Amino acid sequence: MYPAQFDYQKATSVDDALRALAENPDLKVIAGGHSLLPAMKLRLAQPPALLDVWGLEELRGIRREGDMWVVGAMTTHAEVLRSDLPLFPEVAGWVGDPMVRNRGTIGGSLAHADPSADYPAAALATGTQFVIRGLDGERTVDADDMFLGMFESAVQPGELLTQIRIPATITASVYEKFRHPASHYAIVGLALARHADGTVRAAYTGAGEKAERLSVLEERLNAGQAAGTGLVGAAGLLGDRFASAEYRAHLVDVLAAKAAERLR
């Protein structure tokens, strides 16, 4: 299928992109395109104009700054996969296929906030921070405040996600996933990360309208208990032709047990 007709322009710098977004509120940012273009081809999204930020080298790269890893938003999944980041390389290995990983970007995926995406669970489990920039300056948003709803993140119109800041003090981490066999999106994905103080953070994706912290699992693991069952109720979870809400709730329990065993 072909997308609806749209205008196209290419940003030459972050400042250039922010000016363009301020001048034209209808612009939709596109990076690797592996989230937006499929939706456009299916006419699920019909933006009248695209702003291409793929060539912005200032938004690429991974570097260590003290106790944090700083990841440029335009860093590809393949680059994340080959990195020394905590948890995210394992998660990147579950993303799509080699073509998607070589072109898709970590920032594009996180800002898109697809409820079945893998990275949001990793961000919540690791306590990642997001640097978001607009013409008036930049702000930092914690992972707990980043994912607002289905395809809705804290990145507001006229803003760009520029950096992902991941704690370098994670001592152990695990990602378990039950994926759709064709799309490879998470029917349920579950992430655990043990932090420097010994506490474990847990999060799941794919089961609801957004990725969520799994507080019941955190409490059990931090008390030295088994993961157990009944971690989430079916009420409020997604149900579709791929998996009912009840089955997704069951998968959370199954994946939590596997992840907790691996984290030991």
Protein backbone atom coordinates (compact mmCIF):
# COMPACT_ATOMS: atom_id res chain seq x y z
CA MET A 1 0.00 0.00 0.00
CA TYR A 2 1.03 3.61 -0.53
CA PRO A 3 0.78 6.43 2.01
CA ALA A 4 -1.31 9.53 1.43
CA GLN A 5 0.47 12.44 -0.23
CA PHE A 6 2.74 14.47 2.06
CA ASP A 7 5.31 17.26 1.95
CA TYR A 8 8.91 16.54 2.93
CA GLN A 9 11.78 18.56 4.30
CA LYS A 10 15.15 17.65 5.79
CA ALA A 11 16.65 19.22 8.91
CA THR A 12 20.29 20.30 8.83
CA SER A 13 20.72 20.64 12.62
CA VAL A 14 18.74 20.25 15.82
CA ASP A 15 18.15 24.00 15.96
CA ASP A 16 16.99 23.92 12.33
CA ALA A 17 14.57 21.11 13.17
CA LEU A 18 13.17 22.98 16.18
CA ARG A 19 12.65 26.14 14.12
CA ALA A 20 10.86 24.13 11.42
CA LEU A 21 8.60 22.50 14.02
CA ALA A 22 7.78 25.90 15.51
CA GLU A 23 6.91 27.32 12.10
CA ASN A 24 4.82 24.36 10.99
CA PRO A 25 2.86 22.50 13.70
CA ASP A 26 1.74 19.94 11.09
CA LEU A 27 5.27 18.56 10.68
CA LYS A 28 5.78 14.99 11.85
CA VAL A 29 9.34 14.01 12.74
CA ILE A 30 10.74 10.94 10.99
CA ALA A 31 14.07 9.27 11.74
CA GLY A 32 14.60 5.64 10.75
CA GLY A 33 10.95 5.44 9.78
CA HIS A 34 10.28 1.86 10.90
CA SER A 35 7.49 2.94 13.25
CA LEU A 36 5.91 5.74 11.23
CA LEU A 37 6.10 4.49 7.64
CA PRO A 38 4.15 1.25 8.18
CA ALA A 39 1.39 3.26 9.85
CA MET A 40 1.39 5.70 6.92
CA LYS A 41 1.19 2.89 4.37
CA LEU A 42 -1.83 1.46 6.18
CA ARG A 43 -3.34 4.98 6.35
CA LEU A 44 -3.39 4.69 10.15
CA ALA A 45 -1.33 7.89 10.15
CA GLN A 46 -1.62 10.58 7.49
CA PRO A 47 0.70 13.46 8.41
CA PRO A 48 0.59 16.26 5.85
CA ALA A 49 4.32 16.90 6.14
CA LEU A 50 7.45 15.06 7.33
CA LEU A 51 10.61 16.48 8.87
CA ASP A 52 13.55 14.13 8.31
CA VAL A 53 16.16 14.20 11.12
CA TRP A 54 18.02 11.04 10.04
CA GLY A 55 21.19 12.92 9.04
CA LEU A 56 21.73 14.77 12.33
CA GLU A 57 25.06 13.41 13.51
CA GLU A 58 24.87 15.45 16.72
CA LEU A 59 22.09 13.09 17.83
CA ARG A 60 24.16 9.92 17.35
CA GLY A 61 26.58 7.98 19.49
CA ILE A 62 27.01 6.33 22.88
CA ARG A 63 29.36 7.65 25.56
CA ARG A 64 29.96 7.25 29.28
CA GLU A 65 29.60 10.31 31.55
CA GLY A 66 30.31 9.36 35.14
CA ASP A 67 27.56 7.08 36.40
CA MET A 68 25.44 7.52 33.28
CA TRP A 69 25.52 6.28 29.71
CA VAL A 70 24.46 9.01 27.27
CA VAL A 71 22.85 7.69 24.09
CA GLY A 72 21.98 9.97 21.19
CA ALA A 73 18.38 9.63 20.08
CA MET A 74 19.44 8.80 16.50
CA THR A 75 21.56 5.83 17.60
CA THR A 76 20.36 2.74 15.74
CA HIS A 77 19.17 -0.50 17.32
CA ALA A 78 22.19 -2.24 15.77
CA GLU A 79 24.56 0.18 17.52
CA VAL A 80 22.74 -0.38 20.81
CA LEU A 81 23.02 -4.15 20.28
CA ARG A 82 26.81 -3.90 19.95
CA SER A 83 27.24 -1.58 22.95
CA ASP A 84 28.14 -2.07 26.63
CA LEU A 85 24.90 -0.53 27.88
CA PRO A 86 23.01 -2.36 30.63
CA LEU A 87 19.91 -4.30 29.52
CA PHE A 88 19.32 -2.36 26.28
CA PRO A 89 21.60 -4.53 24.08
CA GLU A 90 19.61 -7.63 25.06
CA VAL A 91 16.39 -5.78 24.31
CA ALA A 92 17.73 -4.51 20.96
CA GLY A 93 18.34 -8.10 19.91
CA TRP A 94 14.59 -8.69 20.13
CA VAL A 95 13.73 -5.69 17.91
CA GLY A 96 12.47 -6.56 14.45
CA ASP A 97 15.02 -8.06 12.07
CA PRO A 98 18.48 -6.94 10.83
CA MET A 99 16.97 -4.45 8.38
CA VAL A 100 14.91 -2.80 11.11
CA ARG A 101 17.83 -2.81 13.56
CA ASN A 102 20.20 -1.20 11.04
CA ARG A 103 17.84 1.68 10.27
CA GLY A 104 15.48 2.11 13.22
CA THR A 105 16.56 4.37 16.11
CA ILE A 106 16.27 4.06 19.86
CA GLY A 107 14.95 7.62 20.19
CA GLY A 108 12.34 7.14 17.49
CA SER A 109 11.06 4.00 19.16
CA LEU A 110 10.89 5.53 22.64
CA ALA A 111 9.28 8.80 21.52
CA HIS A 112 6.74 6.86 19.43
CA ALA A 113 5.58 5.06 22.60
CA ASP A 114 4.11 2.05 20.84
CA PRO A 115 2.40 -0.03 23.56
CA SER A 116 4.06 -3.17 22.13
CA ALA A 117 7.58 -1.73 21.83
CA ASP A 118 10.42 -3.31 23.81
CA TYR A 119 12.51 -0.34 24.92
CA PRO A 120 9.93 1.30 27.21
CA ALA A 121 10.04 -1.66 29.60
CA ALA A 122 13.85 -1.45 29.66
CA ALA A 123 13.70 2.29 30.31
CA LEU A 124 11.34 1.84 33.24
CA ALA A 125 13.34 -1.01 34.76
CA THR A 126 16.67 0.84 34.52
CA GLY A 127 15.33 4.23 35.60
CA THR A 128 16.38 5.87 32.36
CA GLN A 129 16.09 9.64 31.89
CA PHE A 130 15.11 11.45 28.70
CA VAL A 131 16.49 14.79 27.57
CA ILE A 132 13.87 16.65 25.54
CA ARG A 133 14.70 19.90 23.77
CA GLY A 134 12.58 22.75 22.46
CA LEU A 135 13.23 26.30 21.33
CA ASP A 136 12.91 27.47 24.95
CA GLY A 137 15.56 25.05 26.20
CA GLU A 138 15.75 21.47 27.35
CA ARG A 139 14.23 19.45 30.16
CA THR A 140 14.86 16.02 31.64
CA VAL A 141 12.01 13.55 32.12
CA ASP A 142 12.21 10.39 34.22
CA ALA A 143 11.10 7.12 32.67
CA ASP A 144 8.13 6.92 35.07
CA ASP A 145 6.79 10.14 33.48
CA MET A 146 7.73 9.46 29.87
CA PHE A 147 5.02 7.08 28.64
CA LEU A 148 1.60 8.69 28.92
CA GLY A 149 -0.64 6.40 26.88
CA MET A 150 -1.01 4.56 23.60
CA PHE A 151 1.41 6.23 21.16
CA GLU A 152 1.69 9.16 23.58
CA SER A 153 4.93 10.23 25.24
CA ALA A 154 6.12 13.26 27.16
CA VAL A 155 7.64 14.71 23.98
CA GLN A 156 5.35 17.62 23.14
CA PRO A 157 4.67 19.29 19.76
CA GLY A 158 7.64 21.44 18.82
CA GLU A 159 10.09 19.31 20.85
CA LEU A 160 12.70 16.67 20.04
CA LEU A 161 14.01 13.82 22.14
CA THR A 162 17.77 14.34 21.93
CA GLN A 163 19.36 12.03 24.52
CA ILE A 164 18.61 8.90 26.51
CA ARG A 165 20.54 8.75 29.82
CA ILE A 166 20.86 5.24 31.25
CA PRO A 167 22.36 4.51 34.69
CA ALA A 168 25.72 2.77 34.35
CA THR A 169 25.38 1.35 37.86
CA ILE A 170 22.99 -1.49 36.95
CA THR A 171 24.56 -4.70 38.30
CA ALA A 172 22.30 -7.25 36.54
CA SER A 173 19.43 -7.15 34.07
CA VAL A 174 17.13 -9.45 32.12
CA TYR A 175 14.53 -9.15 29.36
CA GLU A 176 12.00 -11.87 28.56
CA LYS A 177 9.57 -11.63 25.67
CA PHE A 178 6.67 -13.51 24.12
CA ARG A 179 6.50 -12.07 20.63
CA HIS A 180 4.11 -12.11 17.73
CA PRO A 181 5.66 -14.53 15.20
CA ALA A 182 5.17 -12.25 12.20
CA SER A 183 5.62 -8.67 13.44
CA HIS A 184 8.01 -9.59 16.29
CA TYR A 185 6.27 -7.01 18.47
CA ALA A 186 5.79 -7.94 22.11
CA ILE A 187 2.55 -9.63 23.02
CA VAL A 188 4.16 -9.30 26.44
CA GLY A 189 7.70 -8.28 27.32
CA LEU A 190 9.13 -8.08 30.84
CA ALA A 191 12.30 -6.37 32.06
CA LEU A 192 14.15 -6.61 35.37
CA ALA A 193 17.14 -4.56 36.50
CA ARG A 194 19.09 -4.75 39.76
CA HIS A 195 20.46 -1.39 40.81
CA ALA A 196 23.61 -0.53 42.75
CA ASP A 197 21.75 -0.44 46.07
CA GLY A 198 20.53 -4.00 45.47
CA THR A 199 16.93 -3.13 44.71
CA VAL A 200 15.19 -4.54 41.65
CA ARG A 201 12.94 -2.56 39.32
CA ALA A 202 10.51 -4.39 37.04
CA ALA A 203 8.37 -3.32 34.10
CA TYR A 204 6.25 -4.90 31.38
CA THR A 205 5.19 -3.91 27.89
CA GLY A 206 2.73 -5.18 25.28
CA ALA A 207 -0.06 -6.00 27.72
CA GLY A 208 -1.61 -2.57 28.22
CA GLU A 209 -1.95 0.79 26.53
CA LYS A 210 1.55 1.73 27.71
CA ALA A 211 4.53 0.15 29.42
CA GLU A 212 4.15 0.04 33.20
CA ARG A 213 6.21 -0.59 36.31
CA LEU A 214 5.35 -3.91 37.95
CA SER A 215 5.25 -2.87 41.60
CA VAL A 216 3.92 -6.17 42.97
CA LEU A 217 6.85 -8.04 41.42
CA GLU A 218 9.30 -5.45 42.70
CA GLU A 219 7.99 -5.79 46.24
CA ARG A 220 8.22 -9.59 46.17
CA LEU A 221 11.71 -9.74 44.68
CA ASN A 222 13.05 -7.03 46.98
CA ALA A 223 11.65 -8.96 49.95
CA GLY A 224 13.49 -12.09 48.81
CA GLN A 225 10.30 -13.83 47.70
CA ALA A 226 9.51 -15.74 44.52
CA ALA A 227 7.84 -13.90 41.66
CA GLY A 228 4.59 -15.78 42.25
CA THR A 229 1.39 -15.28 40.29
CA GLY A 230 -1.38 -12.73 40.02
CA LEU A 231 1.07 -9.93 39.26
CA VAL A 232 -1.46 -8.03 37.15
CA GLY A 233 -5.20 -8.38 36.70
CA ALA A 234 -6.78 -8.82 33.29
CA ALA A 235 -8.95 -5.74 33.79
CA GLY A 236 -7.41 -2.88 31.83
CA LEU A 237 -5.11 -5.07 29.74
CA LEU A 238 -5.35 -5.32 25.96
CA GLY A 239 -7.28 -8.14 24.36
CA ASP A 240 -7.20 -8.84 20.62
CA ARG A 241 -7.06 -11.69 18.11
CA PHE A 242 -3.48 -12.44 19.13
CA ALA A 243 -4.06 -12.80 22.87
CA SER A 244 -6.89 -12.14 25.30
CA ALA A 245 -6.40 -9.88 28.31
CA GLU A 246 -6.51 -12.96 30.54
CA TYR A 247 -3.78 -14.66 28.52
CA ARG A 248 -1.61 -11.56 28.65
CA ALA A 249 -1.99 -11.46 32.44
CA HIS A 250 -0.91 -15.12 32.53
CA LEU A 251 2.09 -14.34 30.32
CA VAL A 252 3.23 -11.63 32.73
CA ASP A 253 3.37 -14.27 35.48
CA VAL A 254 5.23 -16.76 33.27
CA LEU A 255 7.79 -14.25 32.00
CA ALA A 256 8.31 -12.81 35.48
CA ALA A 257 9.20 -16.25 36.84
CA LYS A 258 11.68 -16.85 34.00
CA ALA A 259 13.23 -13.40 34.36
CA ALA A 260 13.55 -13.67 38.14
CA GLU A 261 15.30 -17.03 37.79
CA ARG A 262 17.79 -15.57 35.31
CA LEU A 263 18.43 -12.51 37.46
CA ARG A 264 19.72 -14.59 40.39
